[in-house]
Amino acid sequence: MDAAFDRLTDIQKENVNRQMFVVAYGCIARAKGDPEVLERLIEEETSSCPHLRADLRRYCRLVDSVK
């Protein structure tokens, strides 16, 4: 995995890091019970990226399952 990540361009790395941040921040918002932050993330950050929206929703369901 590290070798594959090393082969990514800087722009691709920035995009991957941004997506991981969005999912992590969304999960934190979900765990804290902050629906406004979560909805804003979904609208602003995932509107042009359906797979990111699906990932965020899937991980939020996982957060709900461990609450």
N, C-alpha and C. Protein backbone atom coordinates (compact mmCIF):
# COMPACT_ATOMS: atom_id res chain seq x y z
N MET A 1 0.82 -1.19 0.00
CA MET A 1 0.00 0.00 0.00
C MET A 1 0.87 1.26 0.00
N ASP A 2 1.92 1.26 0.80
CA ASP A 2 2.79 2.44 0.85
C ASP A 2 3.45 2.69 -0.50
N ALA A 3 3.85 1.63 -1.19
CA ALA A 3 4.49 1.79 -2.50
C ALA A 3 3.51 2.38 -3.50
N ALA A 4 2.28 1.93 -3.46
CA ALA A 4 1.26 2.47 -4.37
C ALA A 4 1.00 3.93 -4.06
N PHE A 5 0.94 4.29 -2.80
CA PHE A 5 0.71 5.68 -2.42
C PHE A 5 1.89 6.55 -2.86
N ASP A 6 3.10 6.01 -2.76
CA ASP A 6 4.29 6.76 -3.18
C ASP A 6 4.28 7.08 -4.67
N ARG A 7 3.63 6.24 -5.47
CA ARG A 7 3.59 6.45 -6.92
C ARG A 7 2.56 7.50 -7.34
N LEU A 8 1.69 7.87 -6.45
CA LEU A 8 0.70 8.89 -6.78
C LEU A 8 1.37 10.25 -6.95
N THR A 9 0.80 11.08 -7.80
CA THR A 9 1.32 12.43 -7.94
C THR A 9 0.91 13.24 -6.72
N ASP A 10 1.53 14.40 -6.56
CA ASP A 10 1.19 15.25 -5.41
C ASP A 10 -0.27 15.67 -5.44
N ILE A 11 -0.80 15.95 -6.62
CA ILE A 11 -2.21 16.34 -6.73
C ILE A 11 -3.10 15.18 -6.31
N GLN A 12 -2.78 13.98 -6.74
CA GLN A 12 -3.57 12.81 -6.35
C GLN A 12 -3.47 12.58 -4.85
N LYS A 13 -2.29 12.74 -4.28
CA LYS A 13 -2.12 12.58 -2.84
C LYS A 13 -2.96 13.60 -2.09
N GLU A 14 -2.96 14.83 -2.56
CA GLU A 14 -3.76 15.87 -1.91
C GLU A 14 -5.24 15.52 -1.97
N ASN A 15 -5.69 15.00 -3.10
CA ASN A 15 -7.09 14.61 -3.25
C ASN A 15 -7.45 13.45 -2.32
N VAL A 16 -6.59 12.45 -2.25
CA VAL A 16 -6.83 11.31 -1.36
C VAL A 16 -6.84 11.77 0.09
N ASN A 17 -5.91 12.61 0.47
CA ASN A 17 -5.87 13.11 1.84
C ASN A 17 -7.11 13.93 2.15
N ARG A 18 -7.56 14.73 1.20
CA ARG A 18 -8.78 15.54 1.39
C ARG A 18 -9.99 14.63 1.61
N GLN A 19 -10.09 13.58 0.80
CA GLN A 19 -11.21 12.66 0.93
C GLN A 19 -11.18 11.94 2.27
N MET A 20 -9.99 11.52 2.70
CA MET A 20 -9.88 10.85 4.01
C MET A 20 -10.27 11.82 5.13
N PHE A 21 -9.88 13.09 5.00
CA PHE A 21 -10.24 14.09 6.00
C PHE A 21 -11.76 14.28 6.05
N VAL A 22 -12.38 14.37 4.88
CA VAL A 22 -13.84 14.58 4.83
C VAL A 22 -14.56 13.42 5.51
N VAL A 23 -14.14 12.19 5.22
CA VAL A 23 -14.78 11.02 5.83
C VAL A 23 -14.54 11.02 7.34
N ALA A 24 -13.32 11.27 7.76
CA ALA A 24 -13.01 11.27 9.20
C ALA A 24 -13.78 12.38 9.92
N TYR A 25 -13.81 13.56 9.36
CA TYR A 25 -14.51 14.69 9.99
C TYR A 25 -16.01 14.42 10.04
N GLY A 26 -16.53 13.83 8.99
CA GLY A 26 -17.94 13.47 8.96
C GLY A 26 -18.29 12.45 10.04
N CYS A 27 -17.42 11.47 10.22
CA CYS A 27 -17.65 10.46 11.27
C CYS A 27 -17.60 11.08 12.66
N ILE A 28 -16.69 12.01 12.86
CA ILE A 28 -16.61 12.70 14.15
C ILE A 28 -17.89 13.51 14.39
N ALA A 29 -18.34 14.21 13.36
CA ALA A 29 -19.59 14.98 13.49
C ALA A 29 -20.76 14.06 13.80
N ARG A 30 -20.80 12.91 13.16
CA ARG A 30 -21.88 11.95 13.40
C ARG A 30 -21.82 11.44 14.84
N ALA A 31 -20.62 11.11 15.30
CA ALA A 31 -20.46 10.58 16.65
C ALA A 31 -20.84 11.62 17.70
N LYS A 32 -20.57 12.88 17.42
CA LYS A 32 -20.91 13.95 18.36
C LYS A 32 -22.37 14.37 18.25
N GLY A 33 -23.05 13.84 17.25
CA GLY A 33 -24.46 14.21 17.08
C GLY A 33 -24.64 15.60 16.51
N ASP A 34 -23.78 15.99 15.57
CA ASP A 34 -23.83 17.32 14.98
C ASP A 34 -24.30 17.24 13.53
N PRO A 35 -25.62 17.15 13.31
CA PRO A 35 -26.14 16.94 11.97
C PRO A 35 -25.88 18.10 11.01
N GLU A 36 -25.77 19.33 11.52
CA GLU A 36 -25.52 20.47 10.64
C GLU A 36 -24.17 20.36 9.97
N VAL A 37 -23.15 20.00 10.73
CA VAL A 37 -21.80 19.85 10.17
C VAL A 37 -21.78 18.71 9.16
N LEU A 38 -22.41 17.61 9.51
CA LEU A 38 -22.44 16.46 8.61
C LEU A 38 -23.16 16.79 7.31
N GLU A 39 -24.30 17.44 7.38
CA GLU A 39 -25.04 17.80 6.17
C GLU A 39 -24.26 18.79 5.31
N ARG A 40 -23.58 19.72 5.96
CA ARG A 40 -22.76 20.69 5.20
C ARG A 40 -21.63 19.97 4.47
N LEU A 41 -20.99 19.03 5.15
CA LEU A 41 -19.94 18.24 4.50
C LEU A 41 -20.49 17.48 3.30
N ILE A 42 -21.64 16.87 3.49
CA ILE A 42 -22.23 16.09 2.40
C ILE A 42 -22.54 16.99 1.22
N GLU A 43 -23.12 18.14 1.46
CA GLU A 43 -23.49 19.05 0.37
C GLU A 43 -22.28 19.70 -0.29
N GLU A 44 -21.36 20.21 0.51
CA GLU A 44 -20.25 20.98 -0.04
C GLU A 44 -19.10 20.12 -0.56
N GLU A 45 -18.79 19.06 0.13
CA GLU A 45 -17.59 18.30 -0.21
C GLU A 45 -17.85 17.08 -1.09
N THR A 46 -19.07 16.57 -1.08
CA THR A 46 -19.29 15.33 -1.83
C THR A 46 -20.24 15.50 -3.01
N SER A 47 -20.69 16.73 -3.27
CA SER A 47 -21.66 16.93 -4.34
C SER A 47 -21.13 16.52 -5.70
N SER A 48 -19.86 16.67 -5.93
CA SER A 48 -19.29 16.31 -7.24
C SER A 48 -18.58 14.96 -7.20
N CYS A 49 -18.71 14.25 -6.11
CA CYS A 49 -17.97 13.00 -5.95
C CYS A 49 -18.86 11.94 -5.31
N PRO A 50 -19.68 11.26 -6.12
CA PRO A 50 -20.65 10.32 -5.55
C PRO A 50 -20.03 9.18 -4.74
N HIS A 51 -18.84 8.71 -5.14
CA HIS A 51 -18.24 7.61 -4.36
C HIS A 51 -17.80 8.09 -2.99
N LEU A 52 -17.40 9.34 -2.88
CA LEU A 52 -17.03 9.89 -1.57
C LEU A 52 -18.28 10.02 -0.70
N ARG A 53 -19.38 10.44 -1.29
CA ARG A 53 -20.64 10.54 -0.55
C ARG A 53 -21.05 9.17 -0.03
N ALA A 54 -20.92 8.15 -0.87
CA ALA A 54 -21.27 6.78 -0.46
C ALA A 54 -20.35 6.30 0.67
N ASP A 55 -19.06 6.60 0.55
CA ASP A 55 -18.12 6.22 1.61
C ASP A 55 -18.47 6.90 2.92
N LEU A 56 -18.77 8.18 2.85
CA LEU A 56 -19.10 8.93 4.06
C LEU A 56 -20.35 8.36 4.73
N ARG A 57 -21.35 8.08 3.95
CA ARG A 57 -22.58 7.51 4.52
C ARG A 57 -22.34 6.12 5.11
N ARG A 58 -21.52 5.31 4.43
CA ARG A 58 -21.22 3.96 4.93
C ARG A 58 -20.48 4.03 6.26
N TYR A 59 -19.48 4.91 6.35
CA TYR A 59 -18.73 5.01 7.60
C TYR A 59 -19.57 5.63 8.70
N CYS A 60 -20.49 6.51 8.37
CA CYS A 60 -21.38 7.06 9.39
C CYS A 60 -22.31 5.97 9.94
N ARG A 61 -22.74 5.07 9.08
CA ARG A 61 -23.56 3.95 9.58
C ARG A 61 -22.73 3.08 10.52
N LEU A 62 -21.46 2.92 10.21
CA LEU A 62 -20.58 2.16 11.09
C LEU A 62 -20.45 2.85 12.44
N VAL A 63 -20.31 4.17 12.44
CA VAL A 63 -20.25 4.92 13.69
C VAL A 63 -21.53 4.69 14.49
N ASP A 64 -22.67 4.75 13.81
CA ASP A 64 -23.95 4.52 14.49
C ASP A 64 -24.02 3.13 15.11
N SER A 65 -23.43 2.15 14.45
CA SER A 65 -23.52 0.77 14.95
C SER A 65 -22.68 0.54 16.20
N VAL A 66 -21.70 1.39 16.45
CA VAL A 66 -20.87 1.20 17.65
C VAL A 66 -21.23 2.16 18.77
N LYS A 67 -22.20 3.02 18.55
CA LYS A 67 -22.63 3.97 19.60
C LYS A 67 -23.29 3.22 20.73
